[in-house]
Amino acid sequence: MTFYTYGYLTTHHQTWQYLRLGIIIALLIVFIGLFVYYLRHRWNVKYKDLSVITGVIILLVLGFQVNGLVTLHTNSETAGAITSTVQEVAKRLDVKPQTIAVNATTTTSNLLFKTPKGYYRADYNSDGSAFVLERLTLHHPKVTLTKE
């Protein structure tokens, strides 16, 4: 069973965005350089073609970036819901949120929490607005902890 720490839930969604922005900036610099070189030497058409190809690649990477931002926004909303649940569990059990791990990255039914005080299950009501914590005893748990 895989459990995710509070640090993982709050930070794992943002790693690829900086790399994508770096790639876009590098491609823009290459595009501008090729286009300026073409404007200086109009007789050499290959730089025009290379700048057009680079421009198309920039548009493709920008499309991926927009798709990634939409996915990041969706993941941030679901991560916000699970982190607020972890914070609520921490408040109820009087422990720090950083010491709690949960078995899912979204709020679903039958969430399991690994705390210093033991394992707990969140039992939600029918509309999902509130939950009850129930202490569990796991027999021979095979726990994998995913950290930041």
N, C-alpha and C. Protein backbone atom coordinates (compact mmCIF):
# COMPACT_ATOMS: atom_id res chain seq x y z
N MET A 1 0.84 -1.16 0.00
CA MET A 1 0.00 0.00 0.00
C MET A 1 0.90 1.24 0.00
N THR A 2 0.60 2.18 -0.84
CA THR A 2 1.40 3.40 -0.96
C THR A 2 0.73 4.54 -0.20
N PHE A 3 1.50 5.21 0.65
CA PHE A 3 1.04 6.38 1.37
C PHE A 3 1.85 7.58 0.92
N TYR A 4 1.18 8.72 0.80
CA TYR A 4 1.82 9.96 0.36
C TYR A 4 1.90 10.92 1.54
N THR A 5 3.07 11.51 1.74
CA THR A 5 3.25 12.44 2.86
C THR A 5 2.62 13.79 2.53
N TYR A 6 2.47 14.59 3.55
CA TYR A 6 1.90 15.92 3.40
C TYR A 6 2.79 16.79 2.51
N GLY A 7 4.10 16.65 2.64
CA GLY A 7 5.02 17.41 1.80
C GLY A 7 4.89 17.04 0.34
N TYR A 8 4.70 15.76 0.06
CA TYR A 8 4.52 15.32 -1.33
C TYR A 8 3.24 15.90 -1.91
N LEU A 9 2.18 15.91 -1.13
CA LEU A 9 0.89 16.41 -1.62
C LEU A 9 0.94 17.90 -1.93
N THR A 10 1.76 18.64 -1.20
CA THR A 10 1.79 20.09 -1.40
C THR A 10 2.80 20.55 -2.43
N THR A 11 3.77 19.69 -2.83
CA THR A 11 4.82 20.19 -3.72
C THR A 11 5.00 19.42 -5.01
N HIS A 12 4.45 18.25 -5.22
CA HIS A 12 4.82 17.44 -6.37
C HIS A 12 4.21 17.87 -7.69
N HIS A 13 3.31 18.83 -7.72
CA HIS A 13 2.63 19.19 -8.97
C HIS A 13 3.37 20.25 -9.78
N GLN A 14 4.42 20.85 -9.25
CA GLN A 14 5.02 22.00 -9.90
C GLN A 14 6.37 21.73 -10.53
N THR A 15 6.87 20.52 -10.56
CA THR A 15 8.24 20.28 -10.96
C THR A 15 8.50 20.50 -12.44
N TRP A 16 7.63 20.05 -13.33
CA TRP A 16 7.89 20.13 -14.76
C TRP A 16 7.61 21.50 -15.34
N GLN A 17 6.88 22.35 -14.65
CA GLN A 17 6.53 23.64 -15.21
C GLN A 17 7.75 24.52 -15.44
N TYR A 18 8.72 24.48 -14.54
CA TYR A 18 9.92 25.31 -14.70
C TYR A 18 10.77 24.82 -15.86
N LEU A 19 10.86 23.53 -16.05
CA LEU A 19 11.61 22.97 -17.18
C LEU A 19 10.96 23.38 -18.50
N ARG A 20 9.65 23.31 -18.57
CA ARG A 20 8.95 23.71 -19.80
C ARG A 20 9.15 25.19 -20.11
N LEU A 21 9.11 26.03 -19.08
CA LEU A 21 9.34 27.45 -19.29
C LEU A 21 10.76 27.70 -19.78
N GLY A 22 11.73 26.97 -19.25
CA GLY A 22 13.11 27.09 -19.71
C GLY A 22 13.26 26.70 -21.17
N ILE A 23 12.58 25.63 -21.58
CA ILE A 23 12.62 25.20 -22.98
C ILE A 23 12.00 26.25 -23.89
N ILE A 24 10.90 26.84 -23.47
CA ILE A 24 10.25 27.88 -24.27
C ILE A 24 11.16 29.10 -24.42
N ILE A 25 11.80 29.51 -23.34
CA ILE A 25 12.70 30.67 -23.41
C ILE A 25 13.89 30.38 -24.31
N ALA A 26 14.47 29.18 -24.20
CA ALA A 26 15.59 28.82 -25.07
C ALA A 26 15.17 28.81 -26.53
N LEU A 27 14.00 28.25 -26.82
CA LEU A 27 13.51 28.23 -28.21
C LEU A 27 13.23 29.64 -28.73
N LEU A 28 12.72 30.51 -27.88
CA LEU A 28 12.49 31.90 -28.30
C LEU A 28 13.80 32.60 -28.64
N ILE A 29 14.84 32.34 -27.84
CA ILE A 29 16.14 32.95 -28.12
C ILE A 29 16.69 32.43 -29.45
N VAL A 30 16.58 31.14 -29.70
CA VAL A 30 17.03 30.56 -30.97
C VAL A 30 16.22 31.13 -32.13
N PHE A 31 14.92 31.25 -31.95
CA PHE A 31 14.05 31.79 -33.00
C PHE A 31 14.45 33.22 -33.34
N ILE A 32 14.63 34.04 -32.32
CA ILE A 32 14.99 35.45 -32.56
C ILE A 32 16.36 35.54 -33.24
N GLY A 33 17.31 34.72 -32.78
CA GLY A 33 18.64 34.72 -33.41
C GLY A 33 18.58 34.32 -34.86
N LEU A 34 17.86 33.26 -35.19
CA LEU A 34 17.75 32.83 -36.58
C LEU A 34 17.03 33.85 -37.44
N PHE A 35 16.00 34.47 -36.90
CA PHE A 35 15.24 35.46 -37.67
C PHE A 35 16.08 36.71 -37.93
N VAL A 36 16.83 37.15 -36.92
CA VAL A 36 17.71 38.31 -37.12
C VAL A 36 18.80 37.99 -38.14
N TYR A 37 19.36 36.81 -38.06
CA TYR A 37 20.38 36.41 -39.03
C TYR A 37 19.80 36.36 -40.44
N TYR A 38 18.58 35.89 -40.57
CA TYR A 38 17.92 35.87 -41.89
C TYR A 38 17.71 37.29 -42.40
N LEU A 39 17.29 38.22 -41.53
CA LEU A 39 17.07 39.60 -41.97
C LEU A 39 18.36 40.27 -42.42
N ARG A 40 19.49 39.90 -41.83
CA ARG A 40 20.78 40.46 -42.24
C ARG A 40 21.27 39.88 -43.56
N HIS A 41 20.98 38.61 -43.77
CA HIS A 41 21.46 37.92 -44.98
C HIS A 41 20.25 37.35 -45.72
N ARG A 42 19.54 38.19 -46.42
CA ARG A 42 18.31 37.76 -47.08
C ARG A 42 18.57 36.76 -48.21
N TRP A 43 19.75 36.72 -48.71
CA TRP A 43 20.07 35.79 -49.80
C TRP A 43 20.15 34.34 -49.30
N ASN A 44 20.35 34.13 -48.01
CA ASN A 44 20.48 32.78 -47.46
C ASN A 44 19.12 32.36 -46.87
N VAL A 45 18.35 31.60 -47.64
CA VAL A 45 16.98 31.26 -47.30
C VAL A 45 16.90 30.18 -46.21
N LYS A 46 17.98 29.43 -46.00
CA LYS A 46 17.89 28.34 -45.03
C LYS A 46 17.62 28.86 -43.62
N TYR A 47 18.07 30.08 -43.30
CA TYR A 47 17.80 30.63 -41.97
C TYR A 47 16.33 31.02 -41.81
N LYS A 48 15.71 31.40 -42.91
CA LYS A 48 14.27 31.66 -42.87
C LYS A 48 13.53 30.37 -42.58
N ASP A 49 13.91 29.30 -43.27
CA ASP A 49 13.27 28.01 -43.04
C ASP A 49 13.50 27.51 -41.61
N LEU A 50 14.72 27.68 -41.13
CA LEU A 50 15.01 27.26 -39.75
C LEU A 50 14.23 28.07 -38.73
N SER A 51 14.04 29.37 -39.00
CA SER A 51 13.27 30.20 -38.06
C SER A 51 11.79 29.82 -38.10
N VAL A 52 11.28 29.46 -39.28
CA VAL A 52 9.89 29.00 -39.37
C VAL A 52 9.71 27.68 -38.62
N ILE A 53 10.65 26.75 -38.79
CA ILE A 53 10.58 25.47 -38.07
C ILE A 53 10.65 25.70 -36.57
N THR A 54 11.55 26.58 -36.13
CA THR A 54 11.66 26.89 -34.71
C THR A 54 10.38 27.53 -34.19
N GLY A 55 9.77 28.40 -34.99
CA GLY A 55 8.50 29.01 -34.59
C GLY A 55 7.39 27.99 -34.42
N VAL A 56 7.35 27.01 -35.31
CA VAL A 56 6.34 25.95 -35.20
C VAL A 56 6.59 25.11 -33.95
N ILE A 57 7.85 24.82 -33.65
CA ILE A 57 8.18 24.06 -32.44
C ILE A 57 7.79 24.86 -31.20
N ILE A 58 8.00 26.18 -31.24
CA ILE A 58 7.59 27.03 -30.11
C ILE A 58 6.08 26.94 -29.90
N LEU A 59 5.32 27.00 -30.99
CA LEU A 59 3.86 26.90 -30.87
C LEU A 59 3.45 25.53 -30.31
N LEU A 60 4.13 24.49 -30.72
CA LEU A 60 3.84 23.15 -30.20
C LEU A 60 4.13 23.06 -28.71
N VAL A 61 5.29 23.56 -28.29
CA VAL A 61 5.65 23.53 -26.87
C VAL A 61 4.71 24.42 -26.06
N LEU A 62 4.29 25.55 -26.62
CA LEU A 62 3.32 26.41 -25.93
C LEU A 62 1.99 25.69 -25.75
N GLY A 63 1.58 24.91 -26.75
CA GLY A 63 0.37 24.10 -26.60
C GLY A 63 0.50 23.10 -25.47
N PHE A 64 1.66 22.43 -25.40
CA PHE A 64 1.89 21.51 -24.29
C PHE A 64 1.89 22.24 -22.96
N GLN A 65 2.44 23.45 -22.94
CA GLN A 65 2.50 24.23 -21.70
C GLN A 65 1.10 24.61 -21.25
N VAL A 66 0.26 25.04 -22.16
CA VAL A 66 -1.11 25.40 -21.80
C VAL A 66 -1.85 24.17 -21.28
N ASN A 67 -1.68 23.03 -21.94
CA ASN A 67 -2.29 21.79 -21.48
C ASN A 67 -1.77 21.43 -20.09
N GLY A 68 -0.47 21.59 -19.88
CA GLY A 68 0.11 21.31 -18.57
C GLY A 68 -0.41 22.25 -17.49
N LEU A 69 -0.62 23.52 -17.85
CA LEU A 69 -1.16 24.47 -16.87
C LEU A 69 -2.59 24.13 -16.49
N VAL A 70 -3.39 23.69 -17.46
CA VAL A 70 -4.76 23.28 -17.15
C VAL A 70 -4.75 22.06 -16.23
N THR A 71 -3.89 21.11 -16.54
CA THR A 71 -3.76 19.92 -15.69
C THR A 71 -3.25 20.31 -14.31
N LEU A 72 -2.28 21.23 -14.25
CA LEU A 72 -1.75 21.69 -12.97
C LEU A 72 -2.84 22.36 -12.14
N HIS A 73 -3.69 23.14 -12.80
CA HIS A 73 -4.78 23.80 -12.08
C HIS A 73 -5.75 22.77 -11.49
N THR A 74 -6.10 21.76 -12.29
CA THR A 74 -6.99 20.71 -11.81
C THR A 74 -6.36 19.94 -10.66
N ASN A 75 -5.07 19.60 -10.81
CA ASN A 75 -4.37 18.87 -9.75
C ASN A 75 -4.23 19.71 -8.49
N SER A 76 -4.05 21.01 -8.65
CA SER A 76 -3.93 21.89 -7.49
C SER A 76 -5.24 21.94 -6.71
N GLU A 77 -6.35 21.94 -7.44
CA GLU A 77 -7.64 21.94 -6.74
C GLU A 77 -7.85 20.65 -5.97
N THR A 78 -7.54 19.50 -6.59
CA THR A 78 -7.72 18.23 -5.89
C THR A 78 -6.70 18.08 -4.76
N ALA A 79 -5.47 18.59 -4.98
CA ALA A 79 -4.47 18.54 -3.91
C ALA A 79 -4.88 19.45 -2.77
N GLY A 80 -5.51 20.57 -3.09
CA GLY A 80 -6.00 21.46 -2.03
C GLY A 80 -7.06 20.79 -1.18
N ALA A 81 -7.90 20.00 -1.82
CA ALA A 81 -8.95 19.29 -1.07
C ALA A 81 -8.34 18.24 -0.17
N ILE A 82 -7.37 17.48 -0.66
CA ILE A 82 -6.78 16.42 0.16
C ILE A 82 -5.91 17.01 1.26
N THR A 83 -5.20 18.11 0.97
CA THR A 83 -4.38 18.72 2.02
C THR A 83 -5.25 19.34 3.11
N SER A 84 -6.39 19.89 2.74
CA SER A 84 -7.28 20.41 3.79
C SER A 84 -7.85 19.28 4.63
N THR A 85 -8.09 18.12 4.00
CA THR A 85 -8.54 16.95 4.76
C THR A 85 -7.45 16.49 5.71
N VAL A 86 -6.21 16.46 5.23
CA VAL A 86 -5.08 16.06 6.10
C VAL A 86 -4.93 17.05 7.26
N GLN A 87 -5.10 18.33 6.99
CA GLN A 87 -5.02 19.33 8.05
C GLN A 87 -6.14 19.13 9.08
N GLU A 88 -7.33 18.80 8.62
CA GLU A 88 -8.45 18.56 9.53
C GLU A 88 -8.19 17.32 10.39
N VAL A 89 -7.66 16.27 9.78
CA VAL A 89 -7.34 15.06 10.53
C VAL A 89 -6.26 15.37 11.56
N ALA A 90 -5.26 16.15 11.17
CA ALA A 90 -4.19 16.52 12.11
C ALA A 90 -4.74 17.32 13.28
N LYS A 91 -5.70 18.20 13.00
CA LYS A 91 -6.29 18.99 14.08
C LYS A 91 -7.10 18.10 15.02
N ARG A 92 -7.85 17.15 14.45
CA ARG A 92 -8.66 16.25 15.28
C ARG A 92 -7.80 15.32 16.14
N LEU A 93 -6.68 14.88 15.60
CA LEU A 93 -5.82 13.96 16.33
C LEU A 93 -4.74 14.67 17.14
N ASP A 94 -4.65 15.98 17.01
CA ASP A 94 -3.69 16.80 17.73
C ASP A 94 -2.25 16.40 17.38
N VAL A 95 -1.97 16.29 16.07
CA VAL A 95 -0.63 16.03 15.57
C VAL A 95 -0.34 17.03 14.45
N LYS A 96 0.91 17.11 14.04
CA LYS A 96 1.28 18.01 12.95
C LYS A 96 0.90 17.37 11.61
N PRO A 97 0.47 18.17 10.64
CA PRO A 97 0.13 17.62 9.32
C PRO A 97 1.32 16.94 8.63
N GLN A 98 2.54 17.38 8.93
CA GLN A 98 3.72 16.80 8.30
C GLN A 98 3.98 15.37 8.74
N THR A 99 3.34 14.94 9.84
CA THR A 99 3.54 13.57 10.33
C THR A 99 2.49 12.60 9.80
N ILE A 100 1.56 13.10 9.00
CA ILE A 100 0.47 12.27 8.48
C ILE A 100 0.75 11.91 7.03
N ALA A 101 0.43 10.67 6.68
CA ALA A 101 0.50 10.21 5.29
C ALA A 101 -0.87 9.64 4.92
N VAL A 102 -1.25 9.79 3.66
CA VAL A 102 -2.56 9.36 3.20
C VAL A 102 -2.38 8.45 1.98
N ASN A 103 -3.32 7.53 1.78
CA ASN A 103 -3.15 6.53 0.72
C ASN A 103 -3.66 6.96 -0.65
N ALA A 104 -4.08 8.19 -0.82
CA ALA A 104 -4.56 8.67 -2.12
C ALA A 104 -4.20 10.14 -2.27
N THR A 105 -4.16 10.61 -3.51
CA THR A 105 -3.86 12.02 -3.76
C THR A 105 -5.12 12.84 -4.02
N THR A 106 -6.27 12.20 -4.02
CA THR A 106 -7.54 12.89 -4.17
C THR A 106 -8.48 12.44 -3.05
N THR A 107 -9.46 13.24 -2.78
CA THR A 107 -10.41 12.87 -1.74
C THR A 107 -11.39 11.85 -2.30
N THR A 108 -11.28 10.64 -1.83
CA THR A 108 -12.15 9.56 -2.24
C THR A 108 -12.72 8.92 -0.98
N SER A 109 -13.64 8.01 -1.16
CA SER A 109 -14.15 7.29 0.01
C SER A 109 -13.08 6.30 0.47
N ASN A 110 -13.14 5.97 1.72
CA ASN A 110 -12.19 5.02 2.34
C ASN A 110 -10.74 5.49 2.28
N LEU A 111 -10.51 6.75 2.62
CA LEU A 111 -9.15 7.24 2.73
C LEU A 111 -8.53 6.65 3.99
N LEU A 112 -7.30 6.19 3.86
CA LEU A 112 -6.56 5.70 5.02
C LEU A 112 -5.48 6.70 5.38
N PHE A 113 -5.33 6.95 6.67
CA PHE A 113 -4.32 7.88 7.16
C PHE A 113 -3.36 7.13 8.06
N LYS A 114 -2.07 7.33 7.80
CA LYS A 114 -1.03 6.77 8.66
C LYS A 114 -0.53 7.91 9.52
N THR A 115 -0.76 7.81 10.81
CA THR A 115 -0.38 8.86 11.76
C THR A 115 0.53 8.26 12.82
N PRO A 116 1.17 9.11 13.61
CA PRO A 116 1.95 8.58 14.73
C PRO A 116 1.09 7.85 15.76
N LYS A 117 -0.19 8.12 15.77
CA LYS A 117 -1.10 7.48 16.72
C LYS A 117 -1.74 6.22 16.15
N GLY A 118 -1.39 5.82 14.92
CA GLY A 118 -1.93 4.62 14.31
C GLY A 118 -2.56 4.90 12.96
N TYR A 119 -3.28 3.93 12.45
CA TYR A 119 -3.96 4.04 11.17
C TYR A 119 -5.42 4.42 11.39
N TYR A 120 -5.91 5.32 10.53
CA TYR A 120 -7.29 5.77 10.62
C TYR A 120 -7.91 5.75 9.24
N ARG A 121 -9.23 5.57 9.22
CA ARG A 121 -9.99 5.61 7.97
C ARG A 121 -11.01 6.73 8.10
N ALA A 122 -11.16 7.50 7.02
CA ALA A 122 -12.15 8.58 6.99
C ALA A 122 -13.41 8.04 6.34
N ASP A 123 -14.50 8.07 7.07
CA ASP A 123 -15.79 7.61 6.56
C ASP A 123 -16.64 8.85 6.31
N TYR A 124 -16.86 9.17 5.02
CA TYR A 124 -17.58 10.38 4.64
C TYR A 124 -19.09 10.16 4.69
N ASN A 125 -19.83 11.26 4.90
CA ASN A 125 -21.28 11.17 4.82
C ASN A 125 -21.71 11.14 3.35
N SER A 126 -22.99 11.08 3.09
CA SER A 126 -23.49 10.86 1.72
C SER A 126 -23.14 12.01 0.77
N ASP A 127 -23.09 13.24 1.22
CA ASP A 127 -22.75 14.34 0.31
C ASP A 127 -21.28 14.73 0.37
N GLY A 128 -20.49 14.07 1.19
CA GLY A 128 -19.05 14.30 1.23
C GLY A 128 -18.62 15.55 1.93
N SER A 129 -19.51 16.16 2.71
CA SER A 129 -19.15 17.42 3.37
C SER A 129 -18.50 17.21 4.74
N ALA A 130 -18.64 16.04 5.33
CA ALA A 130 -18.06 15.76 6.65
C ALA A 130 -17.64 14.31 6.71
N PHE A 131 -16.77 14.01 7.66
CA PHE A 131 -16.30 12.64 7.80
C PHE A 131 -16.08 12.30 9.27
N VAL A 132 -16.05 11.01 9.52
CA VAL A 132 -15.78 10.48 10.85
C VAL A 132 -14.49 9.68 10.75
N LEU A 133 -13.61 9.85 11.74
CA LEU A 133 -12.39 9.07 11.76
C LEU A 133 -12.60 7.79 12.54
N GLU A 134 -12.16 6.70 11.97
CA GLU A 134 -12.30 5.40 12.61
C GLU A 134 -10.91 4.78 12.71
N ARG A 135 -10.52 4.40 13.91
CA ARG A 135 -9.20 3.79 14.10
C ARG A 135 -9.21 2.36 13.56
N LEU A 136 -8.12 2.01 12.85
CA LEU A 136 -7.99 0.69 12.24
C LEU A 136 -6.75 -0.02 12.76
N THR A 137 -6.79 -1.33 12.68
CA THR A 137 -5.62 -2.14 12.94
C THR A 137 -5.34 -2.93 11.67
N LEU A 138 -4.20 -2.67 11.05
CA LEU A 138 -3.83 -3.36 9.83
C LEU A 138 -2.94 -4.55 10.20
N HIS A 139 -3.26 -5.69 9.63
CA HIS A 139 -2.47 -6.88 9.89
C HIS A 139 -1.42 -7.02 8.79
N HIS A 140 -0.17 -7.01 9.17
CA HIS A 140 0.98 -7.13 8.27
C HIS A 140 0.89 -6.14 7.10
N PRO A 141 0.86 -4.85 7.41
CA PRO A 141 0.76 -3.87 6.30
C PRO A 141 2.09 -3.77 5.55
N LYS A 142 2.00 -3.78 4.24
CA LYS A 142 3.17 -3.52 3.39
C LYS A 142 3.06 -2.07 2.92
N VAL A 143 3.68 -1.17 3.67
CA VAL A 143 3.52 0.25 3.45
C VAL A 143 4.74 0.81 2.71
N THR A 144 4.45 1.53 1.62
CA THR A 144 5.47 2.28 0.91
C THR A 144 5.16 3.75 1.12
N LEU A 145 6.14 4.51 1.62
CA LEU A 145 5.91 5.92 1.91
C LEU A 145 6.55 6.75 0.81
N THR A 146 5.74 7.57 0.10
CA THR A 146 6.22 8.45 -0.95
C THR A 146 6.38 9.84 -0.36
N LYS A 147 7.64 10.30 -0.33
CA LYS A 147 7.95 11.60 0.27
C LYS A 147 8.18 12.63 -0.81
N GLU A 148 8.48 13.86 -0.38
CA GLU A 148 8.73 14.96 -1.28
C GLU A 148 9.70 14.51 -2.30
